[in-house]
Amino acid sequence: MATQQLFNEALLKLAIMMYRIDGKIRLNEQELVDAISDSLDWSGINSITAIQSQAMADVRDAIRSDKTEAYLAGLKDALMFDKQKALDTARQIMQSDGEEALKERRLYDYLRQQLLV
C-alpha cells in the first residue's frame, strides 16, 4: 500500500511529465508545477529539490526514448493512493496554458482510461 509520501513523489513526477510532454515549457505551467510542489506535505528522506531534479532527468529520458506510458505505469501504485487528485492534477496542467496539446491529451487519456482505473 502506497503512503502519502510515495504519492507526493509520484504526483510530482506526473506533474513534471505532463508539463514537459509537449516540448513547450511555458511559464504558467512551470508556476503551476511549483505551486503543486509547494503544496505537498513533504516528509521524504530526499529533499523535494533532489526528487524534482531526478524526475526532470527521468522524464527527459522517457520522452526521448518514447517510453512515457511505461514511466507513468511505474508510478501507478503510488498514484492509486489518491487517483482523483492525480487525474485532477494532470488535467489542470494539461489545460493550464489554454492549449491542449495532442501529446498531453493522449497521456491524460492513458491515465484516465487505462492506468488509474
C-alpha atoms as a PDB file:
ATOM      1  CA  MET A   1       0.000   0.000   0.000  1.00  0.00           C
ATOM      2  CA  ALA A   2       1.359   3.374  -1.006  1.00  0.00           C
ATOM      3  CA  THR A   3       1.944   6.052   1.581  1.00  0.00           C
ATOM      4  CA  GLN A   4       1.219   9.758   1.382  1.00  0.00           C
ATOM      5  CA  GLN A   5       4.916  10.451   0.775  1.00  0.00           C
ATOM      6  CA  LEU A   6       5.156   7.935  -2.088  1.00  0.00           C
ATOM      7  CA  PHE A   7       2.034   9.523  -3.574  1.00  0.00           C
ATOM      8  CA  ASN A   8       3.562  13.014  -3.231  1.00  0.00           C
ATOM      9  CA  GLU A   9       6.705  11.894  -5.062  1.00  0.00           C
ATOM     10  CA  ALA A  10       4.687  10.196  -7.810  1.00  0.00           C
ATOM     11  CA  LEU A  11       2.396  13.227  -8.157  1.00  0.00           C
ATOM     12  CA  LEU A  12       5.398  15.492  -8.579  1.00  0.00           C
ATOM     13  CA  LYS A  13       6.818  13.165 -11.257  1.00  0.00           C
ATOM     14  CA  LEU A  14       3.436  13.062 -13.014  1.00  0.00           C
ATOM     15  CA  ALA A  15       3.216  16.867 -12.959  1.00  0.00           C
ATOM     16  CA  ILE A  16       6.688  17.180 -14.467  1.00  0.00           C
ATOM     17  CA  MET A  17       5.811  14.666 -17.193  1.00  0.00           C
ATOM     18  CA  MET A  18       2.563  16.468 -18.045  1.00  0.00           C
ATOM     19  CA  TYR A  19       4.177  19.843 -18.457  1.00  0.00           C
ATOM     20  CA  ARG A  20       7.184  18.574 -20.405  1.00  0.00           C
ATOM     21  CA  ILE A  21       5.456  16.117 -22.756  1.00  0.00           C
ATOM     22  CA  ASP A  22       4.545  18.637 -25.462  1.00  0.00           C
ATOM     23  CA  GLY A  23       8.077  20.045 -25.623  1.00  0.00           C
ATOM     24  CA  LYS A  24       6.808  23.568 -24.896  1.00  0.00           C
ATOM     25  CA  ILE A  25       7.614  24.692 -21.400  1.00  0.00           C
ATOM     26  CA  ARG A  26       5.514  27.721 -20.588  1.00  0.00           C
ATOM     27  CA  LEU A  27       5.911  29.917 -17.542  1.00  0.00           C
ATOM     28  CA  ASN A  28       2.358  29.331 -16.298  1.00  0.00           C
ATOM     29  CA  GLU A  29       2.885  25.554 -16.478  1.00  0.00           C
ATOM     30  CA  GLN A  30       6.163  25.858 -14.565  1.00  0.00           C
ATOM     31  CA  GLU A  31       4.466  28.071 -11.975  1.00  0.00           C
ATOM     32  CA  LEU A  32       1.653  25.536 -11.597  1.00  0.00           C
ATOM     33  CA  VAL A  33       4.130  22.689 -11.049  1.00  0.00           C
ATOM     34  CA  ASP A  34       5.935  24.876  -8.495  1.00  0.00           C
ATOM     35  CA  ALA A  35       2.621  25.576  -6.730  1.00  0.00           C
ATOM     36  CA  ILE A  36       1.836  21.847  -6.677  1.00  0.00           C
ATOM     37  CA  SER A  37       5.228  21.021  -5.184  1.00  0.00           C
ATOM     38  CA  ASP A  38       4.878  23.846  -2.643  1.00  0.00           C
ATOM     39  CA  SER A  39       1.501  22.446  -1.538  1.00  0.00           C
ATOM     40  CA  LEU A  40       2.834  18.939  -0.812  1.00  0.00           C
ATOM     41  CA  ASP A  41       3.316  17.879   2.779  1.00  0.00           C
ATOM     42  CA  TRP A  42       6.871  16.650   2.230  1.00  0.00           C
ATOM     43  CA  SER A  43       8.389  14.164   4.661  1.00  0.00           C
ATOM     44  CA  GLY A  44      10.756  12.260   2.410  1.00  0.00           C
ATOM     45  CA  ILE A  45      14.310  11.267   3.148  1.00  0.00           C
ATOM     46  CA  ASN A  46      15.367  13.035  -0.053  1.00  0.00           C
ATOM     47  CA  SER A  47      14.639  16.719  -0.477  1.00  0.00           C
ATOM     48  CA  ILE A  48      11.876  17.774  -2.825  1.00  0.00           C
ATOM     49  CA  THR A  49      14.540  19.509  -4.936  1.00  0.00           C
ATOM     50  CA  ALA A  50      16.505  16.261  -5.306  1.00  0.00           C
ATOM     51  CA  ILE A  51      13.358  14.374  -6.352  1.00  0.00           C
ATOM     52  CA  GLN A  52      12.473  17.139  -8.842  1.00  0.00           C
ATOM     53  CA  SER A  53      15.953  17.114 -10.374  1.00  0.00           C
ATOM     54  CA  GLN A  54      15.936  13.343 -10.767  1.00  0.00           C
ATOM     55  CA  ALA A  55      12.395  13.411 -12.154  1.00  0.00           C
ATOM     56  CA  MET A  56      13.402  16.035 -14.746  1.00  0.00           C
ATOM     57  CA  ALA A  57      16.198  13.770 -15.992  1.00  0.00           C
ATOM     58  CA  ASP A  58      13.996  10.649 -15.934  1.00  0.00           C
ATOM     59  CA  VAL A  59      11.138  12.415 -17.741  1.00  0.00           C
ATOM     60  CA  ARG A  60      13.513  13.755 -20.392  1.00  0.00           C
ATOM     61  CA  ASP A  61      14.835  10.224 -20.968  1.00  0.00           C
ATOM     62  CA  ALA A  62      11.318   8.731 -21.095  1.00  0.00           C
ATOM     63  CA  ILE A  63      10.174  11.311 -23.656  1.00  0.00           C
ATOM     64  CA  ARG A  64      13.335  10.938 -25.750  1.00  0.00           C
ATOM     65  CA  SER A  65      13.034   7.130 -25.821  1.00  0.00           C
ATOM     66  CA  ASP A  66       9.222   7.204 -26.316  1.00  0.00           C
ATOM     67  CA  LYS A  67       8.586   5.395 -23.032  1.00  0.00           C
ATOM     68  CA  THR A  68       6.222   7.885 -21.385  1.00  0.00           C
ATOM     69  CA  GLU A  69       3.471   5.325 -20.762  1.00  0.00           C
ATOM     70  CA  ALA A  70       5.958   2.909 -19.202  1.00  0.00           C
ATOM     71  CA  TYR A  71       7.256   5.744 -16.996  1.00  0.00           C
ATOM     72  CA  LEU A  72       3.733   6.536 -15.788  1.00  0.00           C
ATOM     73  CA  ALA A  73       2.964   2.838 -15.329  1.00  0.00           C
ATOM     74  CA  GLY A  74       5.872   2.768 -12.870  1.00  0.00           C
ATOM     75  CA  LEU A  75       4.045   5.412 -10.816  1.00  0.00           C
ATOM     76  CA  LYS A  76       0.691   3.608 -10.852  1.00  0.00           C
ATOM     77  CA  ASP A  77       0.744   2.020  -7.389  1.00  0.00           C
ATOM     78  CA  ALA A  78       1.711   5.273  -5.690  1.00  0.00           C
ATOM     79  CA  LEU A  79      -0.788   7.343  -7.726  1.00  0.00           C
ATOM     80  CA  MET A  80      -3.630   4.977  -6.786  1.00  0.00           C
ATOM     81  CA  PHE A  81      -3.279   6.330  -3.218  1.00  0.00           C
ATOM     82  CA  ASP A  82      -5.379   9.299  -4.419  1.00  0.00           C
ATOM     83  CA  LYS A  83      -6.168   8.667  -8.061  1.00  0.00           C
ATOM     84  CA  GLN A  84      -8.691  11.516  -8.277  1.00  0.00           C
ATOM     85  CA  LYS A  85      -6.089  14.050  -7.160  1.00  0.00           C
ATOM     86  CA  ALA A  86      -3.627  12.567  -9.667  1.00  0.00           C
ATOM     87  CA  LEU A  87      -6.159  12.895 -12.503  1.00  0.00           C
ATOM     88  CA  ASP A  88      -7.178  16.401 -11.411  1.00  0.00           C
ATOM     89  CA  THR A  89      -3.530  17.489 -11.287  1.00  0.00           C
ATOM     90  CA  ALA A  90      -2.800  16.063 -14.740  1.00  0.00           C
ATOM     91  CA  ARG A  91      -5.897  17.758 -16.201  1.00  0.00           C
ATOM     92  CA  GLN A  92      -5.053  21.062 -14.528  1.00  0.00           C
ATOM     93  CA  ILE A  93      -1.574  21.082 -16.075  1.00  0.00           C
ATOM     94  CA  MET A  94      -2.910  19.967 -19.464  1.00  0.00           C
ATOM     95  CA  GLN A  95      -5.354  22.883 -19.511  1.00  0.00           C
ATOM     96  CA  SER A  96      -3.151  25.492 -17.803  1.00  0.00           C
ATOM     97  CA  ASP A  97      -1.679  27.026 -20.928  1.00  0.00           C
ATOM     98  CA  GLY A  98      -5.036  27.310 -22.690  1.00  0.00           C
ATOM     99  CA  GLU A  99      -3.821  24.919 -25.364  1.00  0.00           C
ATOM    100  CA  GLU A 100      -4.358  21.194 -25.054  1.00  0.00           C
ATOM    101  CA  ALA A 101      -1.521  19.546 -26.951  1.00  0.00           C
ATOM    102  CA  LEU A 102      -2.237  16.174 -28.534  1.00  0.00           C
ATOM    103  CA  LYS A 103       0.575  14.531 -26.547  1.00  0.00           C
ATOM    104  CA  GLU A 104      -0.848  15.922 -23.302  1.00  0.00           C
ATOM    105  CA  ARG A 105      -4.341  14.660 -24.188  1.00  0.00           C
ATOM    106  CA  ARG A 106      -3.022  11.190 -25.080  1.00  0.00           C
ATOM    107  CA  LEU A 107      -1.148  10.929 -21.796  1.00  0.00           C
ATOM    108  CA  TYR A 108      -4.151  12.140 -19.804  1.00  0.00           C
ATOM    109  CA  ASP A 109      -6.455   9.678 -21.593  1.00  0.00           C
ATOM    110  CA  TYR A 110      -3.982   6.873 -20.881  1.00  0.00           C
ATOM    111  CA  LEU A 111      -4.036   7.796 -17.188  1.00  0.00           C
ATOM    112  CA  ARG A 112      -7.812   8.103 -17.021  1.00  0.00           C
ATOM    113  CA  GLN A 113      -8.846   5.161 -19.206  1.00  0.00           C
ATOM    114  CA  GLN A 114      -6.115   2.588 -18.680  1.00  0.00           C
ATOM    115  CA  LEU A 115      -3.758   3.270 -15.796  1.00  0.00           C
ATOM    116  CA  LEU A 116      -5.815   4.707 -12.937  1.00  0.00           C
ATOM    117  CA  VAL A 117      -8.965   2.609 -13.205  1.00  0.00           C
END
